[in-house]
Amino acid sequence: MLEKETSIGGEYIVIKALENGVTIIGLTRGKDTRFHHSEKLDKGEVMVAQFTEHTSAMKIRGRATIFTKHGEIEAGI
């Protein structure tokens, strides 16, 4: 059980908004991919997000820096 939790729930990302109104949308796992959660960030705000058994992907709209264990990604630039 611990192995499954680590592989699904162990990944964190950090999103830093570079402008007002950055939207983060969580997408579900399973047979049908659906939106299940959204957040809005204003410039300078930071969100720490985790992939879980329910969240398989995140969609980020707007100018933001995304920090992962694999490196940094600039969105919307």
C-alpha atoms as a PDB file:
ATOM      1  CA  MET A   1       0.000   0.000   0.000  1.00  0.00           C
ATOM      2  CA  LEU A   2       2.779   2.445   0.850  1.00  0.00           C
ATOM      3  CA  GLU A   3       4.328   1.950  -2.598  1.00  0.00           C
ATOM      4  CA  LYS A   4       1.089   2.982  -4.342  1.00  0.00           C
ATOM      5  CA  GLU A   5       0.670   6.086  -2.163  1.00  0.00           C
ATOM      6  CA  THR A   6       4.216   7.175  -2.914  1.00  0.00           C
ATOM      7  CA  SER A   7       3.898   6.740  -6.665  1.00  0.00           C
ATOM      8  CA  ILE A   8       0.516   8.496  -6.904  1.00  0.00           C
ATOM      9  CA  GLY A   9       0.537  10.926  -3.994  1.00  0.00           C
ATOM     10  CA  GLY A  10       4.215  11.746  -3.763  1.00  0.00           C
ATOM     11  CA  GLU A  11       4.512  14.289  -6.565  1.00  0.00           C
ATOM     12  CA  TYR A  12       4.247  17.958  -5.634  1.00  0.00           C
ATOM     13  CA  ILE A  13       4.495  20.990  -7.866  1.00  0.00           C
ATOM     14  CA  VAL A  14       4.698  24.656  -6.938  1.00  0.00           C
ATOM     15  CA  ILE A  15       2.968  27.276  -9.080  1.00  0.00           C
ATOM     16  CA  LYS A  16       3.950  30.949  -8.746  1.00  0.00           C
ATOM     17  CA  ALA A  17       1.667  33.451 -10.499  1.00  0.00           C
ATOM     18  CA  LEU A  18       3.457  36.090 -12.570  1.00  0.00           C
ATOM     19  CA  GLU A  19       0.211  37.999 -13.268  1.00  0.00           C
ATOM     20  CA  ASN A  20      -3.240  38.365 -11.739  1.00  0.00           C
ATOM     21  CA  GLY A  21      -5.850  35.765 -12.612  1.00  0.00           C
ATOM     22  CA  VAL A  22      -3.709  32.648 -13.144  1.00  0.00           C
ATOM     23  CA  THR A  23      -6.076  29.666 -13.146  1.00  0.00           C
ATOM     24  CA  ILE A  24      -5.138  26.170 -11.972  1.00  0.00           C
ATOM     25  CA  ILE A  25      -7.533  23.377 -12.874  1.00  0.00           C
ATOM     26  CA  GLY A  26      -7.258  19.853 -11.444  1.00  0.00           C
ATOM     27  CA  LEU A  27      -8.238  16.973 -13.754  1.00  0.00           C
ATOM     28  CA  THR A  28      -9.472  13.588 -12.566  1.00  0.00           C
ATOM     29  CA  ARG A  29      -8.110  10.099 -13.126  1.00  0.00           C
ATOM     30  CA  GLY A  30     -10.145   7.224 -14.426  1.00  0.00           C
ATOM     31  CA  LYS A  31     -12.236   6.270 -17.412  1.00  0.00           C
ATOM     32  CA  ASP A  32     -13.319   9.865 -18.132  1.00  0.00           C
ATOM     33  CA  THR A  33     -11.049  12.855 -17.515  1.00  0.00           C
ATOM     34  CA  ARG A  34     -13.006  15.698 -15.914  1.00  0.00           C
ATOM     35  CA  PHE A  35     -12.380  18.976 -14.157  1.00  0.00           C
ATOM     36  CA  HIS A  36     -12.733  18.542 -10.397  1.00  0.00           C
ATOM     37  CA  HIS A  37     -11.173  21.624  -8.819  1.00  0.00           C
ATOM     38  CA  SER A  38      -9.980  25.093  -9.791  1.00  0.00           C
ATOM     39  CA  GLU A  39      -8.103  27.918  -8.105  1.00  0.00           C
ATOM     40  CA  LYS A  40      -7.232  31.482  -9.120  1.00  0.00           C
ATOM     41  CA  LEU A  41      -3.953  33.104  -8.131  1.00  0.00           C
ATOM     42  CA  ASP A  42      -2.949  36.750  -8.243  1.00  0.00           C
ATOM     43  CA  LYS A  43       0.523  38.023  -9.054  1.00  0.00           C
ATOM     44  CA  GLY A  44       3.086  36.816  -6.522  1.00  0.00           C
ATOM     45  CA  GLU A  45       0.808  34.178  -4.982  1.00  0.00           C
ATOM     46  CA  VAL A  46       2.150  30.641  -4.727  1.00  0.00           C
ATOM     47  CA  MET A  47       0.271  27.357  -4.586  1.00  0.00           C
ATOM     48  CA  VAL A  48       1.717  23.971  -3.651  1.00  0.00           C
ATOM     49  CA  ALA A  49      -0.249  21.207  -5.385  1.00  0.00           C
ATOM     50  CA  GLN A  50      -0.063  17.425  -5.131  1.00  0.00           C
ATOM     51  CA  PHE A  51      -0.973  14.691  -7.575  1.00  0.00           C
ATOM     52  CA  THR A  52      -3.251  12.182  -5.814  1.00  0.00           C
ATOM     53  CA  GLU A  53      -5.353   9.144  -6.560  1.00  0.00           C
ATOM     54  CA  HIS A  54      -8.025  11.592  -7.800  1.00  0.00           C
ATOM     55  CA  THR A  55      -5.829  14.153  -9.587  1.00  0.00           C
ATOM     56  CA  SER A  56      -3.910  12.968 -12.643  1.00  0.00           C
ATOM     57  CA  ALA A  57      -3.197  16.284 -14.365  1.00  0.00           C
ATOM     58  CA  MET A  58      -3.329  20.034 -13.878  1.00  0.00           C
ATOM     59  CA  LYS A  59      -4.049  22.720 -16.426  1.00  0.00           C
ATOM     60  CA  ILE A  60      -2.532  26.148 -15.813  1.00  0.00           C
ATOM     61  CA  ARG A  61      -3.745  29.263 -17.644  1.00  0.00           C
ATOM     62  CA  GLY A  62      -1.854  32.525 -17.491  1.00  0.00           C
ATOM     63  CA  ARG A  63       1.714  33.608 -16.823  1.00  0.00           C
ATOM     64  CA  ALA A  64       3.239  31.428 -14.133  1.00  0.00           C
ATOM     65  CA  THR A  65       6.379  29.598 -13.151  1.00  0.00           C
ATOM     66  CA  ILE A  66       5.863  25.921 -12.318  1.00  0.00           C
ATOM     67  CA  PHE A  67       8.522  24.261 -10.179  1.00  0.00           C
ATOM     68  CA  THR A  68       8.815  20.456 -10.243  1.00  0.00           C
ATOM     69  CA  LYS A  69      11.470  17.944  -9.303  1.00  0.00           C
ATOM     70  CA  HIS A  70      12.256  17.846 -13.031  1.00  0.00           C
ATOM     71  CA  GLY A  71      12.954  21.596 -13.264  1.00  0.00           C
ATOM     72  CA  GLU A  72      11.152  24.883 -13.902  1.00  0.00           C
ATOM     73  CA  ILE A  73       8.598  25.585 -16.605  1.00  0.00           C
ATOM     74  CA  GLU A  74       7.345  29.018 -17.705  1.00  0.00           C
ATOM     75  CA  ALA A  75       3.666  29.059 -18.716  1.00  0.00           C
ATOM     76  CA  GLY A  76       1.890  31.721 -20.755  1.00  0.00           C
ATOM     77  CA  ILE A  77       5.026  33.539 -21.808  1.00  0.00           C
END
